[in-house]
Amino acid sequence: MTWDVSISSRAMGVAPSPTLAVDAKAKALKAAGEDVCGFGAGEPDFDTPHFIKEACAKALAEGKTKYCPAPGLPELRAAVAHKYRTFNNVPVQDSQVVVSAGGKFSCYLGICAVVGDGDEVIIPAPYWVSYPEMVKLAGGVPVIVKATDATDFKITPAQLKAAITPRTKLLILNSPSNPTGAVYEKAELEALVEVALQNHICILSDEIYEHLLYDGRQHYSPASFGPEAAEAVITVSGFSKSYSMTGWRLGTLVASPKIAPYVIRLQEQMTSNATTFAQYGALAALERADEARAALAPMLEAFDRRRLRLLAGLQAIPGLTCQRAQGAFYLFPNISSFGLGSTAFANRLLDEEKVAVVPGSGFGSDEYIRFSYAVADATIDKGLERFARFTASLR
């Protein structure tokens, strides 16, 4: 007996992740013996620092394998709150911290806590691929505000004001940015926060790349811009990018006492808690800050070197322009002069030259492609040679 399965409209309305699709295709080609230069994956190519792994292993050996409180280990929540008070200048109590199964899930919890059916969420483009899909899953309506390389991929207060309607409930900000590597200056963030507060709009500030900065740039948390901002801003971060802990699936969310309890309720019903023994590794990362900084330093140095190496190579290619990223580990060159949409461009590049990049269409900006420079120097050099040959064939 067979029958047709009825898939929900909400599930059918969610787009697949283009970054995961590119990564999967590149890995399949590699498994088949192809020499692929993969620039698609958004994760550090370094191992998790040894002392963090040791703390997790110790927790496992001690039998810390049971449920823990839904919002996280009390000592980890306290360490996260202390980090926000001292590093981010955000007035946070332990009860305002929620530890979740990855930064992605932290973003989704924050969106679900404040967005209802038909509520509009302003998302600057280029955006991380999952933001619009999360908004749709929450029943909201994504409202895309386009930025380009002409403004260093940053939206202006005037653009934000023009996008606000009576249905606007949330603004999503991501600095440092995936996919562009753009970093908002403090004054730029303050101006956007002021517009949001004047219109009683909450802000989701995704700060997962806060420690990956170059050229002397500094990180600023919108929640630190005064008491009203601290009430309105939901701050998301985690351990994946800065500590090379992507597979550990540990994200953090900090919100006001008006919002945090509802985030906790959602988590109680969705996942119960993030993996208990993994949280002991995260606790070590925060409590042993000197060791964490020592482990981060060579990783950041390598990213900076690769950033400049890849940037110089891309900027030398006729017909292509590329902004100098100042955070994260991505470059987002403009390919519009070659006459192909980003998906066709990326597919042909992978098929013809075995170079994997992510099309900008998935980030809301079809004129661009994304390179991750979380790869070896040799991969950058080989990939640039192949990429230059491919673009020359299009002219």
Protein backbone atom coordinates (compact mmCIF):
# COMPACT_ATOMS: atom_id res chain seq x y z
CA MET A 1 0.00 0.00 0.00
CA THR A 2 1.31 3.43 -0.93
CA TRP A 3 0.02 6.92 -0.37
CA ASP A 4 1.11 10.48 -1.00
CA VAL A 5 2.86 12.13 1.91
CA SER A 6 1.66 15.66 2.56
CA ILE A 7 4.66 17.91 3.27
CA SER A 8 3.93 21.09 5.20
CA SER A 9 4.03 24.39 3.35
CA ARG A 10 6.50 25.64 5.95
CA ALA A 11 8.94 22.81 5.24
CA MET A 12 8.54 23.18 1.48
CA GLY A 13 9.14 26.92 1.75
CA VAL A 14 12.62 26.51 3.22
CA ALA A 15 15.51 26.64 0.77
CA PRO A 16 18.41 24.18 1.05
CA SER A 17 21.71 25.58 2.31
CA PRO A 18 23.94 26.51 -0.66
CA THR A 19 27.08 26.42 1.49
CA LEU A 20 26.41 22.85 2.62
CA ALA A 21 25.51 21.86 -0.96
CA VAL A 22 28.80 23.20 -2.34
CA ASP A 23 30.78 21.56 0.43
CA ALA A 24 29.04 18.23 -0.16
CA LYS A 25 29.68 18.33 -3.92
CA ALA A 26 33.35 19.23 -3.40
CA LYS A 27 33.80 16.38 -0.92
CA ALA A 28 32.13 13.96 -3.31
CA LEU A 29 34.53 14.97 -6.08
CA LYS A 30 37.49 14.57 -3.74
CA ALA A 31 36.25 11.13 -2.72
CA ALA A 32 36.14 10.22 -6.41
CA GLY A 33 39.82 11.14 -6.73
CA GLU A 34 39.51 14.67 -8.12
CA ASP A 35 41.97 17.38 -7.03
CA VAL A 36 39.52 19.99 -5.72
CA CYS A 37 40.45 23.39 -4.31
CA GLY A 38 37.67 23.91 -1.81
CA PHE A 39 36.88 27.47 -0.73
CA GLY A 40 33.31 26.73 0.33
CA ALA A 41 33.34 25.59 3.94
CA GLY A 42 32.81 28.20 6.65
CA GLU A 43 34.93 26.61 9.36
CA PRO A 44 38.50 27.02 10.60
CA ASP A 45 40.95 24.42 9.27
CA PHE A 46 42.65 24.20 12.70
CA ASP A 47 42.08 21.64 15.42
CA THR A 48 40.28 22.57 18.63
CA PRO A 49 42.89 23.67 21.21
CA HIS A 50 44.15 20.69 23.19
CA PHE A 51 43.25 22.06 26.63
CA ILE A 52 39.61 22.42 25.54
CA LYS A 53 39.49 18.83 24.33
CA GLU A 54 41.12 17.68 27.56
CA ALA A 55 38.43 19.41 29.64
CA CYS A 56 35.73 17.66 27.64
CA ALA A 57 37.48 14.29 27.94
CA LYS A 58 37.82 14.78 31.69
CA ALA A 59 34.09 15.51 31.94
CA LEU A 60 33.33 12.32 30.02
CA ALA A 61 35.66 10.29 32.24
CA GLU A 62 33.92 11.69 35.31
CA GLY A 63 30.51 10.60 34.03
CA LYS A 64 29.17 14.06 33.21
CA THR A 65 26.93 12.58 30.54
CA LYS A 66 23.45 13.31 31.93
CA TYR A 67 20.96 16.09 31.33
CA CYS A 68 21.92 19.50 32.63
CA PRO A 69 19.69 22.58 33.08
CA ALA A 70 18.08 23.60 29.79
CA PRO A 71 19.80 27.01 29.55
CA GLY A 72 23.22 25.48 30.20
CA LEU A 73 25.63 24.54 32.97
CA PRO A 74 25.35 27.18 35.71
CA GLU A 75 29.11 27.68 35.78
CA LEU A 76 29.25 28.13 31.99
CA ARG A 77 26.39 30.64 32.04
CA ALA A 78 28.28 32.54 34.74
CA ALA A 79 31.47 32.51 32.66
CA VAL A 80 29.60 33.74 29.58
CA ALA A 81 27.96 36.54 31.58
CA HIS A 82 31.35 37.55 32.98
CA LYS A 83 32.81 37.62 29.48
CA TYR A 84 30.02 39.94 28.28
CA ARG A 85 30.42 42.28 31.24
CA THR A 86 34.20 42.57 30.93
CA PHE A 87 34.87 42.20 27.19
CA ASN A 88 31.67 43.41 25.52
CA ASN A 89 30.63 46.01 28.14
CA VAL A 90 27.13 44.53 28.24
CA PRO A 91 25.42 44.45 31.67
CA VAL A 92 24.44 40.78 31.90
CA GLN A 93 23.36 38.49 34.70
CA ASP A 94 23.75 34.71 34.56
CA SER A 95 19.99 34.28 34.16
CA GLN A 96 20.10 36.15 30.83
CA VAL A 97 22.44 33.60 29.21
CA VAL A 98 21.25 30.60 27.22
CA VAL A 99 23.70 27.98 25.91
CA SER A 100 22.32 26.16 22.88
CA ALA A 101 23.23 23.53 20.30
CA GLY A 102 25.19 25.86 18.03
CA GLY A 103 25.15 29.50 17.05
CA LYS A 104 22.69 28.71 14.27
CA PHE A 105 20.16 27.38 16.77
CA SER A 106 20.80 30.35 19.06
CA CYS A 107 19.84 32.65 16.17
CA TYR A 108 16.69 30.64 15.53
CA LEU A 109 15.68 30.71 19.20
CA GLY A 110 16.12 34.48 19.29
CA ILE A 111 14.01 34.94 16.18
CA CYS A 112 11.27 32.59 17.45
CA ALA A 113 11.12 34.41 20.77
CA VAL A 114 10.09 37.76 19.26
CA VAL A 115 8.75 37.10 15.74
CA GLY A 116 5.17 35.99 15.15
CA ASP A 117 3.06 35.21 12.09
CA GLY A 118 3.25 38.04 9.58
CA ASP A 119 5.85 40.05 11.48
CA GLU A 120 8.51 41.61 9.26
CA VAL A 121 12.22 41.15 9.85
CA ILE A 122 14.71 43.47 8.17
CA ILE A 123 17.77 41.59 6.89
CA PRO A 124 20.66 43.47 5.27
CA ALA A 125 22.03 41.73 2.17
CA PRO A 126 24.49 40.19 1.64
CA TYR A 127 23.25 38.04 4.51
CA TRP A 128 24.14 34.70 6.02
CA VAL A 129 22.09 32.13 4.09
CA SER A 130 20.05 30.91 7.06
CA TYR A 131 18.56 34.22 8.28
CA PRO A 132 15.63 34.45 5.81
CA GLU A 133 14.84 30.76 6.17
CA MET A 134 14.77 31.02 9.98
CA VAL A 135 12.41 33.99 9.73
CA LYS A 136 10.10 32.00 7.44
CA LEU A 137 10.13 29.05 9.85
CA ALA A 138 9.07 31.40 12.64
CA GLY A 139 6.16 32.60 10.51
CA GLY A 140 7.75 35.95 9.78
CA VAL A 141 8.38 37.81 6.54
CA PRO A 142 11.98 38.60 5.50
CA VAL A 143 12.46 42.16 4.24
CA ILE A 144 15.76 42.42 2.39
CA VAL A 145 17.72 45.69 2.35
CA LYS A 146 20.50 45.55 -0.24
CA ALA A 147 24.03 46.80 0.39
CA THR A 148 26.83 46.59 -2.17
CA ASP A 149 30.58 46.94 -2.34
CA ALA A 150 30.03 50.65 -3.03
CA THR A 151 29.13 51.05 0.67
CA ASP A 152 31.49 48.31 1.88
CA PHE A 153 28.44 46.02 2.20
CA LYS A 154 26.91 48.10 5.01
CA ILE A 155 23.39 49.48 5.08
CA THR A 156 22.74 53.09 6.06
CA PRO A 157 20.28 54.53 8.60
CA ALA A 158 18.33 56.00 5.69
CA GLN A 159 17.94 52.56 4.10
CA LEU A 160 16.82 51.12 7.42
CA LYS A 161 14.23 53.86 7.95
CA ALA A 162 12.84 53.33 4.45
CA ALA A 163 12.32 49.60 5.10
CA ILE A 164 10.41 50.00 8.38
CA THR A 165 6.64 49.44 8.38
CA PRO A 166 4.09 48.99 11.17
CA ARG A 167 4.75 45.23 10.87
CA THR A 168 8.51 45.48 11.46
CA LYS A 169 9.51 43.55 14.56
CA LEU A 170 13.21 42.75 14.24
CA LEU A 171 16.46 43.88 12.59
CA ILE A 172 19.26 41.36 12.07
CA LEU A 173 22.84 42.64 12.20
CA ASN A 174 25.98 40.57 11.59
CA SER A 175 29.38 42.17 12.23
CA PRO A 176 31.93 40.85 11.36
CA SER A 177 29.93 39.61 8.41
CA ASN A 178 29.48 36.30 6.71
CA PRO A 179 29.82 36.40 3.67
CA THR A 180 31.60 39.73 3.15
CA GLY A 181 33.98 40.12 6.09
CA ALA A 182 32.67 43.68 6.53
CA VAL A 183 32.93 45.20 10.02
CA TYR A 184 30.69 48.06 11.15
CA GLU A 185 32.37 50.94 12.96
CA LYS A 186 30.95 51.91 16.34
CA ALA A 187 29.32 55.10 15.01
CA GLU A 188 27.72 53.16 12.15
CA LEU A 189 26.22 50.63 14.55
CA GLU A 190 25.06 53.34 16.95
CA ALA A 191 23.20 55.10 14.13
CA LEU A 192 21.37 51.90 13.13
CA VAL A 193 20.54 51.03 16.73
CA GLU A 194 19.13 54.52 17.27
CA VAL A 195 16.76 54.10 14.31
CA ALA A 196 15.64 50.70 15.59
CA LEU A 197 15.02 51.95 19.12
CA GLN A 198 13.10 54.99 17.89
CA ASN A 199 10.76 52.59 16.09
CA HIS A 200 10.52 50.04 18.94
CA ILE A 201 12.26 47.33 16.91
CA CYS A 202 14.29 44.54 18.49
CA ILE A 203 17.73 43.68 17.14
CA LEU A 204 19.35 40.28 16.71
CA SER A 205 23.11 40.90 16.74
CA ASP A 206 25.03 37.89 15.42
CA GLU A 207 28.58 38.26 16.73
CA ILE A 208 29.94 34.77 16.09
CA TYR A 209 33.09 36.20 14.42
CA GLU A 210 33.75 38.84 17.10
CA HIS A 211 37.35 37.71 17.75
CA LEU A 212 38.37 37.37 14.08
CA LEU A 213 39.36 40.95 13.21
CA TYR A 214 42.17 42.50 11.16
CA ASP A 215 43.70 45.88 10.33
CA GLY A 216 43.31 47.08 13.92
CA ARG A 217 39.52 46.86 13.83
CA GLN A 218 37.60 46.56 17.11
CA HIS A 219 34.40 44.74 17.89
CA TYR A 220 31.39 46.56 19.36
CA SER A 221 28.26 44.93 20.74
CA PRO A 222 25.06 46.92 20.05
CA ALA A 223 23.73 45.80 23.45
CA SER A 224 26.46 47.91 25.08
CA PHE A 225 25.03 51.18 23.72
CA GLY A 226 22.95 52.01 26.79
CA PRO A 227 20.11 50.61 28.93
CA GLU A 228 17.50 50.79 26.16
CA ALA A 229 19.78 48.94 23.75
CA ALA A 230 20.49 46.29 26.38
CA GLU A 231 16.73 45.71 26.59
CA ALA A 232 16.14 45.52 22.84
CA VAL A 233 19.19 43.60 21.58
CA ILE A 234 19.46 39.82 21.49
CA THR A 235 23.16 38.96 21.19
CA VAL A 236 24.23 35.65 19.67
CA SER A 237 27.73 34.22 19.61
CA GLY A 238 29.39 30.90 20.33
CA PHE A 239 32.57 28.86 20.23
CA SER A 240 32.61 27.50 16.68
CA LYS A 241 34.69 30.06 14.82
CA SER A 242 37.03 31.61 17.40
CA TYR A 243 37.96 28.33 19.11
CA SER A 244 37.68 26.07 16.04
CA MET A 245 34.84 24.12 17.66
CA THR A 246 32.35 23.89 14.79
CA GLY A 247 31.43 20.25 15.40
CA TRP A 248 30.90 20.79 19.11
CA ARG A 249 27.64 22.65 18.39
CA LEU A 250 27.73 25.22 21.18
CA GLY A 251 26.18 28.64 20.76
CA THR A 252 25.32 31.37 23.25
CA LEU A 253 22.47 33.84 23.44
CA VAL A 254 22.17 36.84 25.76
CA ALA A 255 18.90 38.72 26.05
CA SER A 256 17.04 40.98 28.45
CA PRO A 257 15.08 39.53 31.40
CA LYS A 258 11.93 40.16 29.35
CA ILE A 259 13.09 37.89 26.50
CA ALA A 260 15.51 35.31 27.97
CA PRO A 261 12.86 33.29 29.89
CA TYR A 262 10.94 32.68 26.67
CA VAL A 263 14.10 31.61 24.86
CA ILE A 264 14.64 29.10 27.67
CA ARG A 265 11.06 27.82 27.32
CA LEU A 266 11.58 27.28 23.60
CA GLN A 267 14.80 25.39 24.22
CA GLU A 268 13.18 23.24 26.90
CA GLN A 269 10.67 22.00 24.35
CA MET A 270 13.01 21.78 21.34
CA THR A 271 16.31 20.28 22.53
CA SER A 272 16.29 20.23 26.37
CA ASN A 273 19.97 21.25 26.58
CA ALA A 274 23.19 21.43 24.61
CA THR A 275 25.51 18.43 25.03
CA THR A 276 26.57 18.39 28.68
CA PHE A 277 30.18 17.21 28.42
CA ALA A 278 30.87 19.54 25.46
CA GLN A 279 29.95 22.48 27.69
CA TYR A 280 32.87 21.67 29.98
CA GLY A 281 35.19 22.24 27.04
CA ALA A 282 33.59 25.63 26.42
CA LEU A 283 33.92 26.45 30.10
CA ALA A 284 37.65 25.78 29.91
CA ALA A 285 37.91 28.10 26.89
CA LEU A 286 36.46 30.96 28.94
CA GLU A 287 38.04 30.22 32.30
CA ARG A 288 41.52 29.68 30.85
CA ALA A 289 41.47 32.84 28.75
CA ASP A 290 45.27 33.19 28.53
CA GLU A 291 45.58 29.72 26.98
CA ALA A 292 42.69 30.49 24.64
CA ARG A 293 44.35 33.71 23.46
CA ALA A 294 47.62 31.86 22.92
CA ALA A 295 45.81 29.26 20.82
CA LEU A 296 43.89 31.89 18.85
CA ALA A 297 46.96 34.00 18.00
CA PRO A 298 48.55 31.69 15.39
CA MET A 299 45.14 30.93 13.88
CA LEU A 300 44.39 34.65 13.50
CA GLU A 301 47.87 35.29 12.11
CA ALA A 302 47.36 32.57 9.50
CA PHE A 303 43.92 33.91 8.54
CA ASP A 304 45.34 37.42 8.13
CA ARG A 305 48.17 36.18 5.91
CA ARG A 306 45.79 34.13 3.79
CA ARG A 307 43.32 37.02 3.56
CA LEU A 308 45.94 39.29 2.03
CA ARG A 309 47.33 36.53 -0.21
CA LEU A 310 43.90 35.69 -1.62
CA LEU A 311 42.89 39.34 -1.89
CA ALA A 312 46.00 40.26 -3.89
CA GLY A 313 45.41 37.36 -6.24
CA LEU A 314 41.76 38.19 -6.80
CA GLN A 315 42.39 41.89 -7.32
CA ALA A 316 44.96 41.06 -10.00
CA ILE A 317 42.35 39.29 -12.14
CA PRO A 318 40.99 41.50 -14.97
CA GLY A 319 37.26 42.15 -14.76
CA LEU A 320 36.97 41.29 -11.07
CA THR A 321 36.77 43.60 -8.08
CA CYS A 322 37.03 42.61 -4.42
CA GLN A 323 36.66 44.53 -1.17
CA ARG A 324 39.26 44.12 1.58
CA ALA A 325 37.52 42.12 4.30
CA GLN A 326 38.32 43.21 7.85
CA GLY A 327 36.81 40.33 9.80
CA ALA A 328 35.74 36.67 9.69
CA PHE A 329 37.50 34.55 7.01
CA TYR A 330 35.73 35.33 3.74
CA LEU A 331 36.19 37.41 0.61
CA PHE A 332 33.24 38.34 -1.60
CA PRO A 333 34.43 39.35 -5.07
CA ASN A 334 32.17 40.95 -7.67
CA ILE A 335 31.87 38.77 -10.80
CA SER A 336 29.13 40.72 -12.59
CA SER A 337 31.41 41.71 -15.49
CA PHE A 338 31.67 38.09 -16.67
CA GLY A 339 28.04 37.84 -17.77
CA LEU A 340 27.04 34.86 -15.66
CA GLY A 341 24.82 34.60 -12.61
CA SER A 342 26.64 33.41 -9.51
CA THR A 343 25.13 29.91 -9.53
CA ALA A 344 26.08 29.23 -13.15
CA PHE A 345 29.49 30.78 -12.52
CA ALA A 346 30.16 28.61 -9.46
CA ASN A 347 28.91 25.42 -11.12
CA ARG A 348 31.09 25.91 -14.19
CA LEU A 349 34.09 26.84 -12.05
CA LEU A 350 33.76 23.59 -10.10
CA ASP A 351 33.09 21.45 -13.16
CA GLU A 352 35.80 22.94 -15.36
CA GLU A 353 38.57 23.85 -12.91
CA LYS A 354 37.65 21.92 -9.74
CA VAL A 355 37.48 25.11 -7.64
CA ALA A 356 34.61 25.20 -5.13
CA VAL A 357 33.13 28.57 -4.13
CA VAL A 358 29.67 29.52 -2.88
CA PRO A 359 27.37 31.48 -5.24
CA GLY A 360 26.30 34.88 -3.97
CA SER A 361 22.68 34.14 -4.84
CA GLY A 362 22.39 32.21 -1.58
CA PHE A 363 23.45 35.34 0.29
CA GLY A 364 20.97 37.57 -1.55
CA SER A 365 23.64 39.05 -3.86
CA ASP A 366 23.84 37.30 -7.22
CA GLU A 367 26.64 39.54 -8.50
CA TYR A 368 29.17 37.96 -6.15
CA ILE A 369 30.73 34.68 -5.04
CA ARG A 370 32.17 33.77 -1.64
CA PHE A 371 35.65 32.46 -1.00
CA SER A 372 36.59 31.11 2.44
CA TYR A 373 40.28 31.56 3.20
CA ALA A 374 40.17 29.05 6.04
CA VAL A 375 42.32 26.88 3.77
CA ALA A 376 46.03 26.16 3.30
CA ASP A 377 48.29 28.67 1.52
CA ALA A 378 49.03 26.06 -1.16
CA THR A 379 45.29 25.71 -1.85
CA ILE A 380 45.00 29.48 -2.25
CA ASP A 381 47.85 29.59 -4.76
CA LYS A 382 46.57 26.65 -6.79
CA GLY A 383 42.98 27.88 -6.63
CA LEU A 384 43.94 31.38 -7.80
CA GLU A 385 45.81 29.94 -10.78
CA ARG A 386 42.79 27.90 -11.79
CA PHE A 387 40.38 30.74 -11.10
CA ALA A 388 42.38 33.15 -13.27
CA ARG A 389 42.38 30.60 -16.10
CA PHE A 390 38.62 30.17 -15.79
CA THR A 391 37.83 33.90 -15.82
CA ALA A 392 40.13 34.38 -18.82
CA SER A 393 38.06 31.82 -20.70
CA LEU A 394 34.93 33.91 -20.10
CA ARG A 395 36.31 37.13 -21.58
